PDB file of N, CA and C in Angstrom:
ATOM      1  N   UNK A   1       0.804  -1.011  -0.043  1.00  0.00           N
ATOM      2  CA  UNK A   1      -0.249  -0.268   0.174  1.00  0.00           C
ATOM      3  C   UNK A   1       0.893   1.144  -0.030  1.00  0.00           C
ATOM      4  N   UNK A   2       0.402   2.167  -0.929  1.00  0.00           N
ATOM      5  CA  UNK A   2       1.422   3.524  -1.031  1.00  0.00           C
ATOM      6  C   UNK A   2       0.432   4.395  -0.168  1.00  0.00           C
ATOM      7  N   UNK A   3       1.492   5.212   0.585  1.00  0.00           N
ATOM      8  CA  UNK A   3       0.836   6.184   1.504  1.00  0.00           C
ATOM      9  C   UNK A   3       1.861   7.214   1.764  1.00  0.00           C
ATOM     10  N   UNK A   4       1.809   8.135   2.625  1.00  0.00           N
ATOM     11  CA  UNK A   4       2.848   8.972   3.209  1.00  0.00           C
ATOM     12  C   UNK A   4       2.486   8.986   4.814  1.00  0.00           C
ATOM     13  N   UNK A   5       3.244   8.320   5.500  1.00  0.00           N
ATOM     14  CA  UNK A   5       2.992   8.199   7.035  1.00  0.00           C
ATOM     15  C   UNK A   5       2.809   9.425   7.596  1.00  0.00           C
ATOM     16  N   UNK A   6       4.026  10.158   7.442  1.00  0.00           N
ATOM     17  CA  UNK A   6       4.211  11.518   8.224  1.00  0.00           C
ATOM     18  C   UNK A   6       2.980  12.202   8.193  1.00  0.00           C
ATOM     19  N   UNK A   7       2.194  12.467   6.678  1.00  0.00           N
ATOM     20  CA  UNK A   7       0.746  13.280   6.700  1.00  0.00           C
ATOM     21  C   UNK A   7      -0.289  12.317   7.561  1.00  0.00           C
ATOM     22  N   UNK A   8      -0.127  11.051   7.208  1.00  0.00           N
ATOM     23  CA  UNK A   8      -1.344  10.398   8.291  1.00  0.00           C
ATOM     24  C   UNK A   8      -0.768  10.849   9.878  1.00  0.00           C
ATOM     25  N   UNK A   9       0.282  10.813  10.377  1.00  0.00           N
ATOM     26  CA  UNK A   9       0.368  11.057  11.846  1.00  0.00           C
ATOM     27  C   UNK A   9      -0.108  12.684  11.933  1.00  0.00           C
ATOM     28  N   UNK A  10       0.238  13.281  10.924  1.00  0.00           N
ATOM     29  CA  UNK A  10       0.014  14.965  11.269  1.00  0.00           C
ATOM     30  C   UNK A  10      -1.533  14.867  11.351  1.00  0.00           C
ATOM     31  N   UNK A  11      -2.123  14.323  10.595  1.00  0.00           N
ATOM     32  CA  UNK A  11      -3.735  14.504  10.445  1.00  0.00           C
ATOM     33  C   UNK A  11      -4.314  13.587  11.747  1.00  0.00           C
ATOM     34  N   UNK A  12      -3.886  12.786  12.269  1.00  0.00           N
ATOM     35  CA  UNK A  12      -4.179  11.970  13.407  1.00  0.00           C
ATOM     36  C   UNK A  12      -3.881  13.107  14.746  1.00  0.00           C
ATOM     37  N   UNK A  13      -2.942  13.714  14.650  1.00  0.00           N
ATOM     38  CA  UNK A  13      -2.693  14.530  15.599  1.00  0.00           C
ATOM     39  C   UNK A  13      -3.837  15.389  16.228  1.00  0.00           C
ATOM     40  N   UNK A  14      -3.933  16.112  14.634  1.00  0.00           N
ATOM     41  CA  UNK A  14      -5.113  17.184  14.686  1.00  0.00           C
ATOM     42  C   UNK A  14      -6.592  16.833  15.147  1.00  0.00           C
ATOM     43  N   UNK A  15      -6.787  15.547  14.554  1.00  0.00           N
ATOM     44  CA  UNK A  15      -7.924  15.037  14.643  1.00  0.00           C
ATOM     45  C   UNK A  15      -8.187  14.421  16.240  1.00  0.00           C
ATOM     46  N   UNK A  16      -7.141  13.954  16.701  1.00  0.00           N
ATOM     47  CA  UNK A  16      -7.135  13.551  18.268  1.00  0.00           C
ATOM     48  C   UNK A  16      -6.898  14.649  19.160  1.00  0.00           C
ATOM     49  N   UNK A  17      -6.294  15.537  18.856  1.00  0.00           N
ATOM     50  CA  UNK A  17      -6.416  17.136  19.715  1.00  0.00           C
ATOM     51  C   UNK A  17      -4.919  16.986  20.337  1.00  0.00           C
ATOM     52  N   UNK A  18      -4.232  15.930  20.020  1.00  0.00           N
ATOM     53  CA  UNK A  18      -2.934  15.648  21.078  1.00  0.00           C
ATOM     54  C   UNK A  18      -1.968  14.646  20.609  1.00  0.00           C
ATOM     55  N   UNK A  19      -0.588  14.865  21.015  1.00  0.00           N
ATOM     56  CA  UNK A  19       0.355  13.847  20.688  1.00  0.00           C
ATOM     57  C   UNK A  19       0.020  12.470  21.343  1.00  0.00           C
ATOM     58  N   UNK A  20      -0.325  12.313  22.651  1.00  0.00           N
ATOM     59  CA  UNK A  20      -0.537  11.182  23.209  1.00  0.00           C
ATOM     60  C   UNK A  20      -1.744  10.501  22.754  1.00  0.00           C
ATOM     61  N   UNK A  21      -2.922  11.039  22.561  1.00  0.00           N
ATOM     62  CA  UNK A  21      -4.118  10.339  22.067  1.00  0.00           C
ATOM     63  C   UNK A  21      -3.804   9.825  20.657  1.00  0.00           C
ATOM     64  N   UNK A  22      -2.943  10.757  19.733  1.00  0.00           N
ATOM     65  CA  UNK A  22      -2.766  10.233  18.379  1.00  0.00           C
ATOM     66  C   UNK A  22      -1.708   8.936  18.414  1.00  0.00           C
ATOM     67  N   UNK A  23      -0.647   9.011  19.273  1.00  0.00           N
ATOM     68  CA  UNK A  23       0.292   8.012  19.628  1.00  0.00           C
ATOM     69  C   UNK A  23      -0.759   6.598  19.744  1.00  0.00           C
ATOM     70  N   UNK A  24      -1.383   7.005  20.737  1.00  0.00           N
ATOM     71  CA  UNK A  24      -2.514   5.653  21.356  1.00  0.00           C
ATOM     72  C   UNK A  24      -3.353   4.972  20.084  1.00  0.00           C
ATOM     73  N   UNK A  25      -3.750   5.932  19.389  1.00  0.00           N
ATOM     74  CA  UNK A  25      -4.585   5.630  18.014  1.00  0.00           C
ATOM     75  C   UNK A  25      -3.740   4.736  17.054  1.00  0.00           C
ATOM     76  N   UNK A  26      -2.596   5.560  16.939  1.00  0.00           N
ATOM     77  CA  UNK A  26      -1.521   4.710  15.751  1.00  0.00           C
ATOM     78  C   UNK A  26      -0.862   3.813  16.306  1.00  0.00           C
ATOM     79  N   UNK A  27      -1.189   3.552  17.486  1.00  0.00           N
ATOM     80  CA  UNK A  27      -0.048   2.333  17.934  1.00  0.00           C
ATOM     81  C   UNK A  27       1.655   2.547  18.025  1.00  0.00           C
ATOM     82  N   UNK A  28       2.077   4.045  18.324  1.00  0.00           N
ATOM     83  CA  UNK A  28       3.103   4.310  18.261  1.00  0.00           C
ATOM     84  C   UNK A  28       3.343   4.794  19.496  1.00  0.00           C
ATOM     85  N   UNK A  29       4.671   5.293  19.791  1.00  0.00           N
ATOM     86  CA  UNK A  29       5.254   6.101  20.813  1.00  0.00           C
ATOM     87  C   UNK A  29       4.903   7.314  20.872  1.00  0.00           C
ATOM     88  N   UNK A  30       4.630   8.043  21.901  1.00  0.00           N
ATOM     89  CA  UNK A  30       4.471   9.432  21.733  1.00  0.00           C
ATOM     90  C   UNK A  30       5.302  10.361  21.228  1.00  0.00           C
ATOM     91  N   UNK A  31       6.819   9.933  21.519  1.00  0.00           N
ATOM     92  CA  UNK A  31       8.049  10.642  21.114  1.00  0.00           C
ATOM     93  C   UNK A  31       8.140  10.394  19.897  1.00  0.00           C
ATOM     94  N   UNK A  32       7.816   9.106  18.977  1.00  0.00           N
ATOM     95  CA  UNK A  32       7.889   8.906  17.753  1.00  0.00           C
ATOM     96  C   UNK A  32       6.883   9.907  16.964  1.00  0.00           C
ATOM     97  N   UNK A  33       5.606  10.213  17.470  1.00  0.00           N
ATOM     98  CA  UNK A  33       4.650  10.918  16.711  1.00  0.00           C
ATOM     99  C   UNK A  33       5.332  12.632  17.069  1.00  0.00           C
ATOM    100  N   UNK A  34       5.561  12.905  17.987  1.00  0.00           N
ATOM    101  CA  UNK A  34       6.183  14.139  18.002  1.00  0.00           C
ATOM    102  C   UNK A  34       7.234  14.461  17.181  1.00  0.00           C
ATOM    103  N   UNK A  35       8.195  13.632  17.042  1.00  0.00           N
ATOM    104  CA  UNK A  35       9.269  13.518  16.044  1.00  0.00           C
ATOM    105  C   UNK A  35       8.757  13.840  14.732  1.00  0.00           C
ATOM    106  N   UNK A  36       7.931  12.869  14.339  1.00  0.00           N
ATOM    107  CA  UNK A  36       7.405  12.952  13.065  1.00  0.00           C
ATOM    108  C   UNK A  36       6.776  14.473  12.682  1.00  0.00           C
ATOM    109  N   UNK A  37       6.099  15.050  13.804  1.00  0.00           N
ATOM    110  CA  UNK A  37       5.374  16.267  13.529  1.00  0.00           C
ATOM    111  C   UNK A  37       6.311  17.168  13.445  1.00  0.00           C
ATOM    112  N   UNK A  38       7.447  17.393  14.254  1.00  0.00           N
ATOM    113  CA  UNK A  38       8.576  18.119  14.158  1.00  0.00           C
ATOM    114  C   UNK A  38       9.085  18.090  13.020  1.00  0.00           C
ATOM    115  N   UNK A  39       9.445  17.048  12.403  1.00  0.00           N
ATOM    116  CA  UNK A  39      10.346  17.055  10.887  1.00  0.00           C
ATOM    117  C   UNK A  39       9.402  17.504  10.144  1.00  0.00           C
ATOM    118  N   UNK A  40       8.266  17.316   9.958  1.00  0.00           N
ATOM    119  CA  UNK A  40       7.153  17.933   9.204  1.00  0.00           C
ATOM    120  C   UNK A  40       7.208  19.218   9.173  1.00  0.00           C
ATOM    121  N   UNK A  41       7.274  19.942  10.034  1.00  0.00           N
ATOM    122  CA  UNK A  41       7.497  21.300  10.574  1.00  0.00           C
ATOM    123  C   UNK A  41       8.573  21.801   9.917  1.00  0.00           C
ATOM    124  N   UNK A  42       9.653  21.394  10.380  1.00  0.00           N
ATOM    125  CA  UNK A  42      11.040  21.663   9.691  1.00  0.00           C
ATOM    126  C   UNK A  42      10.964  21.419   8.319  1.00  0.00           C
ATOM    127  N   UNK A  43      10.497  20.496   7.690  1.00  0.00           N
ATOM    128  CA  UNK A  43      10.454  20.302   6.032  1.00  0.00           C
ATOM    129  C   UNK A  43       9.492  21.498   5.561  1.00  0.00           C
ATOM    130  N   UNK A  44       8.168  22.022   6.409  1.00  0.00           N
ATOM    131  CA  UNK A  44       7.597  23.119   5.689  1.00  0.00           C
ATOM    132  C   UNK A  44       8.096  24.236   5.981  1.00  0.00           C
ATOM    133  N   UNK A  45       9.002  24.593   7.052  1.00  0.00           N
ATOM    134  CA  UNK A  45       9.696  25.948   7.212  1.00  0.00           C
ATOM    135  C   UNK A  45       8.794  26.640   8.233  1.00  0.00           C
ATOM    136  N   UNK A  46       7.470  26.133   8.375  1.00  0.00           N
ATOM    137  CA  UNK A  46       6.736  26.855   9.548  1.00  0.00           C
ATOM    138  C   UNK A  46       6.130  26.264  10.680  1.00  0.00           C
ATOM    139  N   UNK A  47       5.656  26.801  11.831  1.00  0.00           N
ATOM    140  CA  UNK A  47       5.173  25.878  12.771  1.00  0.00           C
ATOM    141  C   UNK A  47       3.629  25.892  12.248  1.00  0.00           C
ATOM    142  N   UNK A  48       3.109  24.555  12.321  1.00  0.00           N
ATOM    143  CA  UNK A  48       1.899  23.963  11.852  1.00  0.00           C
ATOM    144  C   UNK A  48       1.042  23.870  12.863  1.00  0.00           C
ATOM    145  N   UNK A  49       1.580  23.282  14.257  1.00  0.00           N
ATOM    146  CA  UNK A  49       0.729  23.451  15.428  1.00  0.00           C
ATOM    147  C   UNK A  49       1.251  24.258  16.426  1.00  0.00           C
ATOM    148  N   UNK A  50       0.175  24.764  17.261  1.00  0.00           N
ATOM    149  CA  UNK A  50       0.554  25.365  18.637  1.00  0.00           C
ATOM    150  C   UNK A  50       0.453  24.392  19.582  1.00  0.00           C
ATOM    151  N   UNK A  51       1.206  24.145  20.494  1.00  0.00           N
ATOM    152  CA  UNK A  51       1.227  23.248  21.479  1.00  0.00           C
ATOM    153  C   UNK A  51       0.736  24.028  22.857  1.00  0.00           C
ATOM    154  N   UNK A  52      -0.108  23.419  23.370  1.00  0.00           N
ATOM    155  CA  UNK A  52      -0.675  23.905  24.714  1.00  0.00           C
ATOM    156  C   UNK A  52      -0.571  22.528  25.736  1.00  0.00           C
ATOM    157  N   UNK A  53      -1.310  22.979  26.891  1.00  0.00           N
ATOM    158  CA  UNK A  53      -1.095  21.821  28.062  1.00  0.00           C
ATOM    159  C   UNK A  53      -2.243  20.670  27.451  1.00  0.00           C
ATOM    160  N   UNK A  54      -1.447  19.377  27.097  1.00  0.00           N
ATOM    161  CA  UNK A  54      -2.394  18.265  26.571  1.00  0.00           C
ATOM    162  C   UNK A  54      -3.257  18.470  25.486  1.00  0.00           C
ATOM    163  N   UNK A  55      -2.937  19.618  24.717  1.00  0.00           N
ATOM    164  CA  UNK A  55      -3.780  19.820  23.307  1.00  0.00           C
ATOM    165  C   UNK A  55      -2.966  20.670  22.496  1.00  0.00           C
ATOM    166  N   UNK A  56      -3.205  20.261  21.104  1.00  0.00           N
ATOM    167  CA  UNK A  56      -2.583  21.219  20.002  1.00  0.00           C
ATOM    168  C   UNK A  56      -3.816  22.201  19.215  1.00  0.00           C
ATOM    169  N   UNK A  57      -3.519  23.082  18.602  1.00  0.00           N
ATOM    170  CA  UNK A  57      -4.188  23.677  17.696  1.00  0.00           C
ATOM    171  C   UNK A  57      -3.466  24.096  16.585  1.00  0.00           C
ATOM    172  N   UNK A  58      -4.275  24.369  15.410  1.00  0.00           N
ATOM    173  CA  UNK A  58      -3.500  24.366  14.197  1.00  0.00           C
ATOM    174  C   UNK A  58      -3.285  26.150  14.031  1.00  0.00           C
ATOM    175  N   UNK A  59      -2.111  26.351  13.568  1.00  0.00           N
ATOM    176  CA  UNK A  59      -1.405  27.580  13.080  1.00  0.00           C
ATOM    177  C   UNK A  59      -2.357  27.855  11.757  1.00  0.00           C
ATOM    178  N   UNK A  60      -2.289  29.115  11.471  1.00  0.00           N
ATOM    179  CA  UNK A  60      -2.893  29.410   9.590  1.00  0.00           C
ATOM    180  C   UNK A  60      -2.525  28.680   8.875  1.00  0.00           C
ATOM    181  N   UNK A  61      -1.083  28.347   8.876  1.00  0.00           N
ATOM    182  CA  UNK A  61      -0.249  27.537   7.838  1.00  0.00           C
ATOM    183  C   UNK A  61      -0.529  26.357   8.073  1.00  0.00           C
ATOM    184  N   UNK A  62      -0.941  25.563   9.317  1.00  0.00           N
ATOM    185  CA  UNK A  62      -1.098  24.505   9.933  1.00  0.00           C
ATOM    186  C   UNK A  62      -2.634  24.024   9.264  1.00  0.00           C
ATOM    187  N   UNK A  63      -3.381  24.865   9.059  1.00  0.00           N
ATOM    188  CA  UNK A  63      -4.693  24.985   8.647  1.00  0.00           C
ATOM    189  C   UNK A  63      -4.757  24.425   7.098  1.00  0.00           C
ATOM    190  N   UNK A  64      -4.088  25.242   6.654  1.00  0.00           N
ATOM    191  CA  UNK A  64      -3.715  25.041   5.021  1.00  0.00           C
ATOM    192  C   UNK A  64      -3.146  23.853   4.830  1.00  0.00           C
ATOM    193  N   UNK A  65      -2.280  23.474   5.490  1.00  0.00           N
ATOM    194  CA  UNK A  65      -1.336  22.187   5.330  1.00  0.00           C
ATOM    195  C   UNK A  65      -2.403  20.998   5.682  1.00  0.00           C
ATOM    196  N   UNK A  66      -3.215  21.055   6.495  1.00  0.00           N
ATOM    197  CA  UNK A  66      -4.183  19.858   6.896  1.00  0.00           C
ATOM    198  C   UNK A  66      -5.066  19.559   5.651  1.00  0.00           C
ATOM    199  N   UNK A  67      -5.502  20.796   4.909  1.00  0.00           N
ATOM    200  CA  UNK A  67      -6.398  20.587   3.964  1.00  0.00           C
ATOM    201  C   UNK A  67      -5.725  19.710   3.016  1.00  0.00           C
ATOM    202  N   UNK A  68      -4.388  20.151   2.650  1.00  0.00           N
ATOM    203  CA  UNK A  68      -3.611  19.663   1.532  1.00  0.00           C
ATOM    204  C   UNK A  68      -3.297  18.213   1.968  1.00  0.00           C
ATOM    205  N   UNK A  69      -2.840  17.796   3.110  1.00  0.00           N
ATOM    206  CA  UNK A  69      -2.723  16.457   3.741  1.00  0.00           C
ATOM    207  C   UNK A  69      -3.788  15.746   3.328  1.00  0.00           C
ATOM    208  N   UNK A  70      -4.888  16.064   3.876  1.00  0.00           N
ATOM    209  CA  UNK A  70      -6.163  15.148   3.520  1.00  0.00           C
ATOM    210  C   UNK A  70      -6.241  14.973   2.005  1.00  0.00           C
ATOM    211  N   UNK A  71      -6.101  15.869   1.320  1.00  0.00           N
ATOM    212  CA  UNK A  71      -6.309  15.877  -0.267  1.00  0.00           C
ATOM    213  C   UNK A  71      -5.202  14.654  -0.639  1.00  0.00           C
ATOM    214  N   UNK A  72      -4.118  14.895  -0.279  1.00  0.00           N
ATOM    215  CA  UNK A  72      -2.943  13.904  -0.683  1.00  0.00           C
ATOM    216  C   UNK A  72      -3.415  12.704  -0.122  1.00  0.00           C
ATOM    217  N   UNK A  73      -3.861  12.372   1.057  1.00  0.00           N
ATOM    218  CA  UNK A  73      -4.197  10.986   1.354  1.00  0.00           C
ATOM    219  C   UNK A  73      -5.272  10.214   0.701  1.00  0.00           C
ATOM    220  N   UNK A  74      -6.388  11.133   0.449  1.00  0.00           N
ATOM    221  CA  UNK A  74      -7.615  10.879  -0.375  1.00  0.00           C
ATOM    222  C   UNK A  74      -6.951  10.043  -2.182  1.00  0.00           C
ATOM    223  N   UNK A  75      -6.161  11.030  -2.286  1.00  0.00           N
ATOM    224  CA  UNK A  75      -5.492  10.599  -3.746  1.00  0.00           C
ATOM    225  C   UNK A  75      -4.724   8.982  -3.444  1.00  0.00           C
ATOM    226  N   UNK A  76      -4.146   9.065  -2.447  1.00  0.00           N
ATOM    227  CA  UNK A  76      -3.293   7.792  -2.071  1.00  0.00           C
ATOM    228  C   UNK A  76      -4.443   6.636  -1.938  1.00  0.00           C
ATOM    229  N   UNK A  77      -5.583   6.662  -1.386  1.00  0.00           N
ATOM    230  CA  UNK A  77      -6.356   5.884  -1.145  1.00  0.00           C
ATOM    231  C   UNK A  77      -6.961   5.826  -2.487  1.00  0.00           C
ATOM    232  N   UNK A  78      -7.401   6.514  -3.462  1.00  0.00           N
ATOM    233  CA  UNK A  78      -7.749   6.383  -4.574  1.00  0.00           C
ATOM    234  C   UNK A  78      -6.751   5.469  -5.310  1.00  0.00           C
ATOM    235  N   UNK A  79      -5.533   5.652  -5.475  1.00  0.00           N
ATOM    236  CA  UNK A  79      -4.516   4.994  -6.155  1.00  0.00           C
ATOM    237  C   UNK A  79      -4.374   3.643  -5.706  1.00  0.00           C
ATOM    238  N   UNK A  80      -4.472   3.331  -4.603  1.00  0.00           N
ATOM    239  CA  UNK A  80      -4.312   2.077  -3.759  1.00  0.00           C
ATOM    240  C   UNK A  80      -5.604   1.324  -4.446  1.00  0.00           C
ATOM    241  N   UNK A  81      -6.642   1.841  -4.328  1.00  0.00           N
ATOM    242  CA  UNK A  81      -7.882   1.196  -4.531  1.00  0.00           C
ATOM    243  C   UNK A  81      -7.999   0.682  -6.344  1.00  0.00           C
ATOM    244  N   UNK A  82      -7.573   1.788  -7.027  1.00  0.00           N
ATOM    245  CA  UNK A  82      -7.433   1.330  -8.496  1.00  0.00           C
ATOM    246  C   UNK A  82      -6.212   0.408  -8.555  1.00  0.00           C
ATOM    247  N   UNK A  83      -5.235   0.396  -7.872  1.00  0.00           N
ATOM    248  CA  UNK A  83      -4.067  -0.547  -8.212  1.00  0.00           C
ATOM    249  C   UNK A  83      -4.680  -2.089  -7.857  1.00  0.00           C
ATOM    250  N   UNK A  84      -5.609  -1.823  -6.862  1.00  0.00           N
ATOM    251  CA  UNK A  84      -6.097  -3.481  -6.206  1.00  0.00           C
ATOM    252  C   UNK A  84      -6.975  -4.028  -7.206  1.00  0.00           C
ATOM    253  N   UNK A  85      -7.782  -2.863  -8.078  1.00  0.00           N
ATOM    254  CA  UNK A  85      -8.813  -3.426  -8.953  1.00  0.00           C
ATOM    255  C   UNK A  85     -10.215  -3.076  -8.482  1.00  0.00           C
ATOM    256  N   UNK A  86     -10.369  -2.324  -7.392  1.00  0.00           N
ATOM    257  CA  UNK A  86     -11.635  -2.069  -6.600  1.00  0.00           C
ATOM    258  C   UNK A  86     -11.759  -0.545  -7.234  1.00  0.00           C
ATOM    259  N   UNK A  87     -13.102  -0.278  -7.140  1.00  0.00           N
ATOM    260  CA  UNK A  87     -13.278   1.110  -7.891  1.00  0.00           C
ATOM    261  C   UNK A  87     -12.809   2.144  -6.669  1.00  0.00           C
ATOM    262  N   UNK A  88     -12.599   2.802  -7.437  1.00  0.00           N
ATOM    263  CA  UNK A  88     -11.827   4.406  -6.615  1.00  0.00           C
ATOM    264  C   UNK A  88     -12.848   5.223  -6.014  1.00  0.00           C
ATOM    265  N   UNK A  89     -12.521   5.418  -4.731  1.00  0.00           N
ATOM    266  CA  UNK A  89     -13.525   6.404  -3.855  1.00  0.00           C
ATOM    267  C   UNK A  89     -13.538   7.861  -4.773  1.00  0.00           C
ATOM    268  N   UNK A  90     -14.366   8.562  -4.484  1.00  0.00           N
ATOM    269  CA  UNK A  90     -14.609   9.972  -5.059  1.00  0.00           C
ATOM    270  C   UNK A  90     -13.586  10.691  -4.480  1.00  0.00           C
ATOM    271  N   UNK A  91     -12.949  11.816  -5.153  1.00  0.00           N
ATOM    272  CA  UNK A  91     -12.156  12.685  -4.409  1.00  0.00           C
ATOM    273  C   UNK A  91     -13.117  13.735  -3.662  1.00  0.00           C
ATOM    274  N   UNK A  92     -12.347  14.264  -2.494  1.00  0.00           N
ATOM    275  CA  UNK A  92     -12.940  14.800  -1.607  1.00  0.00           C
ATOM    276  C   UNK A  92     -12.621  16.276  -2.016  1.00  0.00           C
ATOM    277  N   UNK A  93     -13.443  17.298  -1.988  1.00  0.00           N
ATOM    278  CA  UNK A  93     -13.084  18.765  -2.068  1.00  0.00           C
ATOM    279  C   UNK A  93     -13.156  19.443  -0.854  1.00  0.00           C
ATOM    280  N   UNK A  94     -12.376  20.354  -0.712  1.00  0.00           N
ATOM    281  CA  UNK A  94     -12.287  21.035   0.768  1.00  0.00           C
ATOM    282  C   UNK A  94     -12.859  22.412   0.215  1.00  0.00           C
ATOM    283  N   UNK A  95     -13.670  22.863   1.236  1.00  0.00           N
ATOM    284  CA  UNK A  95     -14.210  24.530   0.990  1.00  0.00           C
ATOM    285  C   UNK A  95     -13.814  25.162   2.185  1.00  0.00           C
ATOM    286  N   UNK A  96     -13.334  26.370   1.840  1.00  0.00           N
ATOM    287  CA  UNK A  96     -13.175  27.489   2.959  1.00  0.00           C
ATOM    288  C   UNK A  96     -14.651  28.106   3.454  1.00  0.00           C
ATOM    289  N   UNK A  97     -14.934  28.257   4.218  1.00  0.00           N
ATOM    290  CA  UNK A  97     -16.198  28.644   4.840  1.00  0.00           C
ATOM    291  C   UNK A  97     -15.899  29.976   5.114  1.00  0.00           C
ATOM    292  N   UNK A  98     -14.727  30.384   5.051  1.00  0.00           N
ATOM    293  CA  UNK A  98     -14.562  32.056   5.368  1.00  0.00           C
ATOM    294  C   UNK A  98     -14.455  32.563   6.749  1.00  0.00           C
ATOM    295  N   UNK A  99     -14.792  31.497   7.735  1.00  0.00           N
ATOM    296  CA  UNK A  99     -14.518  32.120   8.963  1.00  0.00           C
ATOM    297  C   UNK A  99     -13.795  31.123   9.623  1.00  0.00           C
ATOM    298  N   UNK A 100     -12.661  30.731   9.025  1.00  0.00           N
ATOM    299  CA  UNK A 100     -11.605  30.276   9.866  1.00  0.00           C
ATOM    300  C   UNK A 100     -12.282  28.446  10.045  1.00  0.00           C
ATOM    301  N   UNK A 101     -13.283  28.023   9.459  1.00  0.00           N
ATOM    302  CA  UNK A 101     -13.479  26.898   9.229  1.00  0.00           C
ATOM    303  C   UNK A 101     -13.697  26.173   7.974  1.00  0.00           C
ATOM    304  N   UNK A 102     -13.370  25.116   7.903  1.00  0.00           N
ATOM    305  CA  UNK A 102     -13.562  24.391   6.660  1.00  0.00           C
ATOM    306  C   UNK A 102     -14.253  23.097   6.341  1.00  0.00           C
ATOM    307  N   UNK A 103     -14.802  22.880   5.438  1.00  0.00           N
ATOM    308  CA  UNK A 103     -15.764  21.668   5.262  1.00  0.00           C
ATOM    309  C   UNK A 103     -15.487  20.724   3.991  1.00  0.00           C
ATOM    310  N   UNK A 104     -15.442  19.468   4.159  1.00  0.00           N
ATOM    311  CA  UNK A 104     -14.918  18.388   3.026  1.00  0.00           C
ATOM    312  C   UNK A 104     -16.337  18.016   2.566  1.00  0.00           C
ATOM    313  N   UNK A 105     -16.290  18.192   1.312  1.00  0.00           N
ATOM    314  CA  UNK A 105     -17.576  17.486   0.581  1.00  0.00           C
ATOM    315  C   UNK A 105     -16.950  16.401  -0.647  1.00  0.00           C
ATOM    316  N   UNK A 106     -17.841  15.207  -0.554  1.00  0.00           N
ATOM    317  CA  UNK A 106     -17.625  14.285  -1.473  1.00  0.00           C
ATOM    318  C   UNK A 106     -19.116  13.841  -1.908  1.00  0.00           C
ATOM    319  N   UNK A 107     -18.857  12.885  -2.790  1.00  0.00           N
ATOM    320  CA  UNK A 107     -20.243  12.301  -3.430  1.00  0.00           C
ATOM    321  C   UNK A 107     -19.874  10.688  -3.055  1.00  0.00           C
ATOM    322  N   UNK A 108     -20.457   9.792  -2.224  1.00  0.00           N
ATOM    323  CA  UNK A 108     -20.402   8.530  -2.105  1.00  0.00           C
ATOM    324  C   UNK A 108     -21.920   8.063  -2.422  1.00  0.00           C
ATOM    325  N   UNK A 109     -21.803   6.999  -3.107  1.00  0.00           N
ATOM    326  CA  UNK A 109     -23.127   6.194  -3.443  1.00  0.00           C
ATOM    327  C   UNK A 109     -24.234   7.187  -3.897  1.00  0.00           C
ATOM    328  N   UNK A 110     -23.652   8.168  -4.691  1.00  0.00           N
ATOM    329  CA  UNK A 110     -24.779   8.710  -5.003  1.00  0.00           C
ATOM    330  C   UNK A 110     -25.598   9.942  -4.101  1.00  0.00           C
ATOM    331  N   UNK A 111     -24.642  10.196  -3.082  1.00  0.00           N
ATOM    332  CA  UNK A 111     -25.134  11.196  -1.929  1.00  0.00           C
ATOM    333  C   UNK A 111     -23.961  12.019  -1.682  1.00  0.00           C
ATOM    334  N   UNK A 112     -24.386  13.414  -1.357  1.00  0.00           N
ATOM    335  CA  UNK A 112     -23.332  14.088  -0.946  1.00  0.00           C
ATOM    336  C   UNK A 112     -23.078  14.021   0.587  1.00  0.00           C
ATOM    337  N   UNK A 113     -21.830  13.949   0.603  1.00  0.00           N
ATOM    338  CA  UNK A 113     -21.496  14.129   2.220  1.00  0.00           C
ATOM    339  C   UNK A 113     -20.639  15.181   2.551  1.00  0.00           C
ATOM    340  N   UNK A 114     -20.939  16.182   3.629  1.00  0.00           N
ATOM    341  CA  UNK A 114     -20.537  17.147   3.903  1.00  0.00           C
ATOM    342  C   UNK A 114     -19.965  16.926   5.186  1.00  0.00           C
ATOM    343  N   UNK A 115     -18.731  17.378   5.689  1.00  0.00           N
ATOM    344  CA  UNK A 115     -18.088  17.238   6.726  1.00  0.00           C
ATOM    345  C   UNK A 115     -17.568  18.143   7.413  1.00  0.00           C
ATOM    346  N   UNK A 116     -17.728  18.949   8.444  1.00  0.00           N
ATOM    347  CA  UNK A 116     -17.142  20.251   8.664  1.00  0.00           C
ATOM    348  C   UNK A 116     -15.868  19.825   9.409  1.00  0.00           C
ATOM    349  N   UNK A 117     -14.736  20.673   9.409  1.00  0.00           N
ATOM    350  CA  UNK A 117     -13.634  20.546   9.940  1.00  0.00           C
ATOM    351  C   UNK A 117     -13.382  21.255  11.041  1.00  0.00           C
ATOM    352  N   UNK A 118     -12.477  20.762  12.130  1.00  0.00           N
ATOM    353  CA  UNK A 118     -12.290  21.385  13.475  1.00  0.00           C
ATOM    354  C   UNK A 118     -11.587  22.816  13.058  1.00  0.00           C
TER     355      UNK A 118
END
């Protein structure tokens, strides 16, 4: 299966709201998760997360990065589905709602799915 583990880790940290919960969910050590995110931030050249006691929040650059990370991971899912002979999942579009929130929109089985991002 083709994927980008660092993108998966970053997205999981955001979804879980912290490094420890993400590490537990990913079955990794907390230091390994923290190191992966730190390397991702170093490669990006900007802070992506603001760290607080027991929680994280996205910086403006982190919010943009999250949108791209989710789109890239969705493309990996599509690629892996096609390579395995299964029908590809529909691509997800991300909409900026203009108030600091984002929504993911996709069509699955002929139904529009809308998911609000944190």
